Amino acid sequence: MEQERSRLSPTEWIAVGLGSGLLGGVALAAPVVVWDWRHTGHLAFELPMAATAWLFGLRHFSHTHYLAWPLVVGIALLAAYVILSGIAFTGLADRAYRVARPLTSLAAGFAWGFVSFIFFWDMLLPIARGGAPFRATAGAPGLFVAPTWVWILGFTLLGLTIGACYAALRTPARGEERERPAAPSPLQRAA
């Protein structure tokens, strides 16, 4: 018989969400960084500069050389974004949907990756500069970090990683184990 699954405390919720989000952020960034590194005309760490440039102006982005402060600020912005994503997923999975099993968590993570991509690509990016320099736009066709398929792969990995980390981190945080019925002793006393 399985124990009644209890909810995470607020501290556990933040800890599991923070860990899941940060690891998911690494998974999101990996295909983008690899794509940029492998293609001429791009720098491996354009992603953090793109976050700063999207928010503060395209003068903070370059395909030819690294800009120190845009890199630092961009890393902080991306970290905040993925941490919030991990905390939001943890809250929904724990409170709203009561996700408890690893496969269910992976499926929920896959769905979260899709929803995160749609939110990021179609709702958040158009707010400033039409999404440049994250994606190519009519106003800045040469300023983009990676093609759309790389972003789709990155967000899929983000969701799967957040789901897997949620499943892995939530169990130790709660100390949950399945109760197993006691096996009968081979040496039972005769009455």
C-alpha atoms as a PDB file:
ATOM      1  CA  MET A   1       0.000   0.000   0.000  1.00  0.00           C
ATOM      2  CA  GLU A   2       1.421   3.389  -0.981  1.00  0.00           C
ATOM      3  CA  GLN A   3       1.719   6.131   1.620  1.00  0.00           C
ATOM      4  CA  GLU A   4      -0.444   9.217   1.206  1.00  0.00           C
ATOM      5  CA  ARG A   5       1.678  11.670  -0.768  1.00  0.00           C
ATOM      6  CA  SER A   6       2.169  14.891   1.131  1.00  0.00           C
ATOM      7  CA  ARG A   7       2.833  18.297  -0.348  1.00  0.00           C
ATOM      8  CA  LEU A   8       6.202  19.985  -0.251  1.00  0.00           C
ATOM      9  CA  SER A   9       6.692  22.656   2.381  1.00  0.00           C
ATOM     10  CA  PRO A  10       7.380  26.155   0.998  1.00  0.00           C
ATOM     11  CA  THR A  11      11.116  25.763   1.671  1.00  0.00           C
ATOM     12  CA  GLU A  12      11.210  22.369  -0.056  1.00  0.00           C
ATOM     13  CA  TRP A  13       9.161  23.787  -2.932  1.00  0.00           C
ATOM     14  CA  ILE A  14      11.699  26.578  -3.477  1.00  0.00           C
ATOM     15  CA  ALA A  15      14.689  24.205  -3.117  1.00  0.00           C
ATOM     16  CA  VAL A  16      13.311  21.590  -5.528  1.00  0.00           C
ATOM     17  CA  GLY A  17      12.193  24.287  -7.980  1.00  0.00           C
ATOM     18  CA  LEU A  18      15.518  26.109  -7.815  1.00  0.00           C
ATOM     19  CA  GLY A  19      17.542  22.936  -8.408  1.00  0.00           C
ATOM     20  CA  SER A  20      15.231  21.721 -11.170  1.00  0.00           C
ATOM     21  CA  GLY A  21      15.190  25.113 -12.853  1.00  0.00           C
ATOM     22  CA  LEU A  22      18.957  25.575 -12.815  1.00  0.00           C
ATOM     23  CA  LEU A  23      19.612  22.107 -14.231  1.00  0.00           C
ATOM     24  CA  GLY A  24      16.866  22.700 -16.798  1.00  0.00           C
ATOM     25  CA  GLY A  25      18.563  25.976 -17.735  1.00  0.00           C
ATOM     26  CA  VAL A  26      21.812  24.142 -18.423  1.00  0.00           C
ATOM     27  CA  ALA A  27      19.877  21.711 -20.642  1.00  0.00           C
ATOM     28  CA  LEU A  28      18.216  24.636 -22.460  1.00  0.00           C
ATOM     29  CA  ALA A  29      21.508  26.430 -23.052  1.00  0.00           C
ATOM     30  CA  ALA A  30      23.486  23.365 -24.177  1.00  0.00           C
ATOM     31  CA  PRO A  31      22.112  23.025 -27.743  1.00  0.00           C
ATOM     32  CA  VAL A  32      22.195  26.797 -28.268  1.00  0.00           C
ATOM     33  CA  VAL A  33      25.815  27.084 -27.117  1.00  0.00           C
ATOM     34  CA  VAL A  34      26.881  24.055 -29.186  1.00  0.00           C
ATOM     35  CA  TRP A  35      25.128  25.395 -32.298  1.00  0.00           C
ATOM     36  CA  ASP A  36      26.767  28.821 -31.882  1.00  0.00           C
ATOM     37  CA  TRP A  37      30.182  27.272 -31.218  1.00  0.00           C
ATOM     38  CA  ARG A  38      29.984  25.101 -34.358  1.00  0.00           C
ATOM     39  CA  HIS A  39      28.921  27.869 -36.761  1.00  0.00           C
ATOM     40  CA  THR A  40      31.175  30.565 -38.127  1.00  0.00           C
ATOM     41  CA  GLY A  41      29.936  34.066 -37.589  1.00  0.00           C
ATOM     42  CA  HIS A  42      28.686  33.163 -34.108  1.00  0.00           C
ATOM     43  CA  LEU A  43      30.283  33.086 -30.659  1.00  0.00           C
ATOM     44  CA  ALA A  44      29.645  30.200 -28.277  1.00  0.00           C
ATOM     45  CA  PHE A  45      28.266  32.397 -25.492  1.00  0.00           C
ATOM     46  CA  GLU A  46      25.964  34.685 -27.434  1.00  0.00           C
ATOM     47  CA  LEU A  47      22.960  33.539 -25.385  1.00  0.00           C
ATOM     48  CA  PRO A  48      23.702  35.639 -22.269  1.00  0.00           C
ATOM     49  CA  MET A  49      24.534  38.687 -24.390  1.00  0.00           C
ATOM     50  CA  ALA A  50      21.225  38.193 -26.241  1.00  0.00           C
ATOM     51  CA  ALA A  51      19.286  38.306 -22.966  1.00  0.00           C
ATOM     52  CA  THR A  52      20.927  41.611 -22.043  1.00  0.00           C
ATOM     53  CA  ALA A  53      20.531  43.030 -25.552  1.00  0.00           C
ATOM     54  CA  TRP A  54      16.865  42.045 -25.743  1.00  0.00           C
ATOM     55  CA  LEU A  55      16.194  43.902 -22.516  1.00  0.00           C
ATOM     56  CA  PHE A  56      18.580  46.886 -22.772  1.00  0.00           C
ATOM     57  CA  GLY A  57      19.278  47.373 -26.490  1.00  0.00           C
ATOM     58  CA  LEU A  58      21.091  45.721 -29.389  1.00  0.00           C
ATOM     59  CA  ARG A  59      24.339  47.595 -28.652  1.00  0.00           C
ATOM     60  CA  HIS A  60      24.889  44.952 -25.912  1.00  0.00           C
ATOM     61  CA  PHE A  61      25.135  42.119 -28.469  1.00  0.00           C
ATOM     62  CA  SER A  62      27.933  41.114 -30.832  1.00  0.00           C
ATOM     63  CA  HIS A  63      28.746  38.210 -33.146  1.00  0.00           C
ATOM     64  CA  THR A  64      32.434  39.175 -33.237  1.00  0.00           C
ATOM     65  CA  HIS A  65      33.568  39.683 -29.638  1.00  0.00           C
ATOM     66  CA  TYR A  66      32.386  39.096 -26.097  1.00  0.00           C
ATOM     67  CA  LEU A  67      31.095  42.010 -24.054  1.00  0.00           C
ATOM     68  CA  ALA A  68      31.866  41.515 -20.343  1.00  0.00           C
ATOM     69  CA  TRP A  69      28.956  43.195 -18.594  1.00  0.00           C
ATOM     70  CA  PRO A  70      26.296  41.967 -21.016  1.00  0.00           C
ATOM     71  CA  LEU A  71      27.594  38.432 -20.380  1.00  0.00           C
ATOM     72  CA  VAL A  72      27.384  38.808 -16.592  1.00  0.00           C
ATOM     73  CA  VAL A  73      23.978  40.515 -16.626  1.00  0.00           C
ATOM     74  CA  GLY A  74      22.670  38.017 -19.205  1.00  0.00           C
ATOM     75  CA  ILE A  75      23.730  35.016 -17.110  1.00  0.00           C
ATOM     76  CA  ALA A  76      21.885  36.514 -14.127  1.00  0.00           C
ATOM     77  CA  LEU A  77      18.771  37.182 -16.254  1.00  0.00           C
ATOM     78  CA  LEU A  78      18.758  33.669 -17.723  1.00  0.00           C
ATOM     79  CA  ALA A  79      19.326  32.120 -14.285  1.00  0.00           C
ATOM     80  CA  ALA A  80      16.388  34.088 -12.878  1.00  0.00           C
ATOM     81  CA  TYR A  81      14.183  32.999 -15.804  1.00  0.00           C
ATOM     82  CA  VAL A  82      14.944  29.281 -15.455  1.00  0.00           C
ATOM     83  CA  ILE A  83      14.721  29.382 -11.644  1.00  0.00           C
ATOM     84  CA  LEU A  84      11.255  30.947 -11.909  1.00  0.00           C
ATOM     85  CA  SER A  85      10.353  28.308 -14.496  1.00  0.00           C
ATOM     86  CA  GLY A  86      11.494  25.513 -12.162  1.00  0.00           C
ATOM     87  CA  ILE A  87       9.625  26.964  -9.190  1.00  0.00           C
ATOM     88  CA  ALA A  88       6.451  27.397 -11.266  1.00  0.00           C
ATOM     89  CA  PHE A  89       6.680  23.811 -12.552  1.00  0.00           C
ATOM     90  CA  THR A  90       7.276  22.486  -9.034  1.00  0.00           C
ATOM     91  CA  GLY A  91       4.278  24.396  -7.725  1.00  0.00           C
ATOM     92  CA  LEU A  92       1.979  23.145 -10.467  1.00  0.00           C
ATOM     93  CA  ALA A  93       3.265  19.572 -10.282  1.00  0.00           C
ATOM     94  CA  ASP A  94       3.115  19.410  -6.480  1.00  0.00           C
ATOM     95  CA  ARG A  95       0.044  21.496  -5.651  1.00  0.00           C
ATOM     96  CA  ALA A  96      -2.245  21.459  -8.660  1.00  0.00           C
ATOM     97  CA  TYR A  97      -1.594  18.106 -10.345  1.00  0.00           C
ATOM     98  CA  ARG A  98      -0.027  16.089  -7.510  1.00  0.00           C
ATOM     99  CA  VAL A  99       2.561  14.521  -9.797  1.00  0.00           C
ATOM    100  CA  ALA A 100       4.275  11.729  -7.883  1.00  0.00           C
ATOM    101  CA  ARG A 101       5.634   9.131 -10.302  1.00  0.00           C
ATOM    102  CA  PRO A 102       8.784   9.562 -12.416  1.00  0.00           C
ATOM    103  CA  LEU A 103       7.132   8.828 -15.784  1.00  0.00           C
ATOM    104  CA  THR A 104       4.273  11.184 -15.003  1.00  0.00           C
ATOM    105  CA  SER A 105       6.831  13.808 -14.015  1.00  0.00           C
ATOM    106  CA  LEU A 106       8.675  13.344 -17.320  1.00  0.00           C
ATOM    107  CA  ALA A 107       5.424  13.665 -19.265  1.00  0.00           C
ATOM    108  CA  ALA A 108       4.533  16.793 -17.294  1.00  0.00           C
ATOM    109  CA  GLY A 109       8.037  18.131 -17.962  1.00  0.00           C
ATOM    110  CA  PHE A 110       7.654  17.494 -21.688  1.00  0.00           C
ATOM    111  CA  ALA A 111       4.382  19.456 -21.662  1.00  0.00           C
ATOM    112  CA  TRP A 112       6.076  22.172 -19.583  1.00  0.00           C
ATOM    113  CA  GLY A 113       8.837  22.472 -22.196  1.00  0.00           C
ATOM    114  CA  PHE A 114       6.235  22.981 -24.930  1.00  0.00           C
ATOM    115  CA  VAL A 115       4.304  25.566 -22.916  1.00  0.00           C
ATOM    116  CA  SER A 116       7.552  27.328 -21.961  1.00  0.00           C
ATOM    117  CA  PHE A 117       8.644  27.537 -25.588  1.00  0.00           C
ATOM    118  CA  ILE A 118       5.298  28.977 -26.709  1.00  0.00           C
ATOM    119  CA  PHE A 119       5.349  31.489 -23.843  1.00  0.00           C
ATOM    120  CA  PHE A 120       8.956  32.514 -24.533  1.00  0.00           C
ATOM    121  CA  TRP A 121       8.827  32.521 -28.340  1.00  0.00           C
ATOM    122  CA  ASP A 122       5.355  33.900 -29.030  1.00  0.00           C
ATOM    123  CA  MET A 123       4.496  35.968 -25.961  1.00  0.00           C
ATOM    124  CA  LEU A 124       7.674  37.206 -24.252  1.00  0.00           C
ATOM    125  CA  LEU A 125      10.098  37.810 -27.148  1.00  0.00           C
ATOM    126  CA  PRO A 126       7.786  40.031 -29.271  1.00  0.00           C
ATOM    127  CA  ILE A 127       7.544  42.518 -26.390  1.00  0.00           C
ATOM    128  CA  ALA A 128      10.914  44.077 -27.276  1.00  0.00           C
ATOM    129  CA  ARG A 129      12.538  44.422 -30.707  1.00  0.00           C
ATOM    130  CA  GLY A 130      10.386  41.595 -32.144  1.00  0.00           C
ATOM    131  CA  GLY A 131      12.620  39.056 -30.426  1.00  0.00           C
ATOM    132  CA  ALA A 132      15.985  40.225 -31.780  1.00  0.00           C
ATOM    133  CA  PRO A 133      18.675  39.085 -31.076  1.00  0.00           C
ATOM    134  CA  PHE A 134      17.234  35.758 -29.893  1.00  0.00           C
ATOM    135  CA  ARG A 135      15.716  35.209 -33.326  1.00  0.00           C
ATOM    136  CA  ALA A 136      16.046  36.814 -36.740  1.00  0.00           C
ATOM    137  CA  THR A 137      13.590  39.652 -37.349  1.00  0.00           C
ATOM    138  CA  ALA A 138      12.768  41.878 -40.320  1.00  0.00           C
ATOM    139  CA  GLY A 139      14.523  44.801 -38.622  1.00  0.00           C
ATOM    140  CA  ALA A 140      17.683  42.818 -37.749  1.00  0.00           C
ATOM    141  CA  PRO A 141      17.852  39.711 -39.990  1.00  0.00           C
ATOM    142  CA  GLY A 142      21.528  38.980 -39.253  1.00  0.00           C
ATOM    143  CA  LEU A 143      21.265  39.345 -35.479  1.00  0.00           C
ATOM    144  CA  PHE A 144      20.100  36.032 -34.113  1.00  0.00           C
ATOM    145  CA  VAL A 145      21.514  33.491 -31.684  1.00  0.00           C
ATOM    146  CA  ALA A 146      20.260  30.244 -33.200  1.00  0.00           C
ATOM    147  CA  PRO A 147      17.588  28.946 -35.596  1.00  0.00           C
ATOM    148  CA  THR A 148      14.152  28.008 -34.304  1.00  0.00           C
ATOM    149  CA  TRP A 149      14.759  24.236 -34.320  1.00  0.00           C
ATOM    150  CA  VAL A 150      17.658  24.690 -31.854  1.00  0.00           C
ATOM    151  CA  TRP A 151      15.368  26.622 -29.521  1.00  0.00           C
ATOM    152  CA  ILE A 152      12.686  23.930 -29.778  1.00  0.00           C
ATOM    153  CA  LEU A 153      15.279  21.292 -28.878  1.00  0.00           C
ATOM    154  CA  GLY A 154      16.535  23.440 -25.993  1.00  0.00           C
ATOM    155  CA  PHE A 155      13.062  23.981 -24.541  1.00  0.00           C
ATOM    156  CA  THR A 156      12.232  20.292 -24.926  1.00  0.00           C
ATOM    157  CA  LEU A 157      15.375  19.461 -22.954  1.00  0.00           C
ATOM    158  CA  LEU A 158      14.477  22.159 -20.418  1.00  0.00           C
ATOM    159  CA  GLY A 159      11.091  20.568 -19.775  1.00  0.00           C
ATOM    160  CA  LEU A 160      12.372  16.986 -19.643  1.00  0.00           C
ATOM    161  CA  THR A 161      15.198  17.969 -17.306  1.00  0.00           C
ATOM    162  CA  ILE A 162      12.923  19.943 -14.998  1.00  0.00           C
ATOM    163  CA  GLY A 163      10.508  16.994 -14.892  1.00  0.00           C
ATOM    164  CA  ALA A 164      13.271  14.462 -14.200  1.00  0.00           C
ATOM    165  CA  CYS A 165      14.908  16.665 -11.563  1.00  0.00           C
ATOM    166  CA  TYR A 166      11.566  17.313  -9.895  1.00  0.00           C
ATOM    167  CA  ALA A 167      11.000  13.561  -9.603  1.00  0.00           C
ATOM    168  CA  ALA A 168      14.530  12.956  -8.324  1.00  0.00           C
ATOM    169  CA  LEU A 169      14.695  15.901  -5.906  1.00  0.00           C
ATOM    170  CA  ARG A 170      11.152  15.731  -4.557  1.00  0.00           C
ATOM    171  CA  THR A 171      11.523  12.201  -3.165  1.00  0.00           C
ATOM    172  CA  PRO A 172      14.625  12.949  -1.039  1.00  0.00           C
ATOM    173  CA  ALA A 173      13.065  16.236   0.058  1.00  0.00           C
ATOM    174  CA  ARG A 174      10.027  14.412   1.415  1.00  0.00           C
ATOM    175  CA  GLY A 175      11.732  11.202   2.489  1.00  0.00           C
ATOM    176  CA  GLU A 176       8.949   9.304   0.774  1.00  0.00           C
ATOM    177  CA  GLU A 177       9.222   5.586   0.336  1.00  0.00           C
ATOM    178  CA  ARG A 178       6.658   3.015  -0.517  1.00  0.00           C
ATOM    179  CA  GLU A 179       5.413   0.999   2.373  1.00  0.00           C
ATOM    180  CA  ARG A 180       5.882  -2.655   1.698  1.00  0.00           C
ATOM    181  CA  PRO A 181       3.912  -5.317   3.455  1.00  0.00           C
ATOM    182  CA  ALA A 182       6.032  -7.282   5.853  1.00  0.00           C
ATOM    183  CA  ALA A 183       7.129 -10.545   4.317  1.00  0.00           C
ATOM    184  CA  PRO A 184       6.214 -13.544   6.399  1.00  0.00           C
ATOM    185  CA  SER A 185       9.122 -14.999   8.275  1.00  0.00           C
ATOM    186  CA  PRO A 186      10.240 -18.394   6.974  1.00  0.00           C
ATOM    187  CA  LEU A 187      10.397 -19.610  10.548  1.00  0.00           C
ATOM    188  CA  GLN A 188       6.921 -19.073  11.861  1.00  0.00           C
ATOM    189  CA  ARG A 189       5.985 -20.391  15.232  1.00  0.00           C
ATOM    190  CA  ALA A 190       3.535 -23.234  15.117  1.00  0.00           C
ATOM    191  CA  ALA A 191       0.531 -22.904  17.417  1.00  0.00           C
END
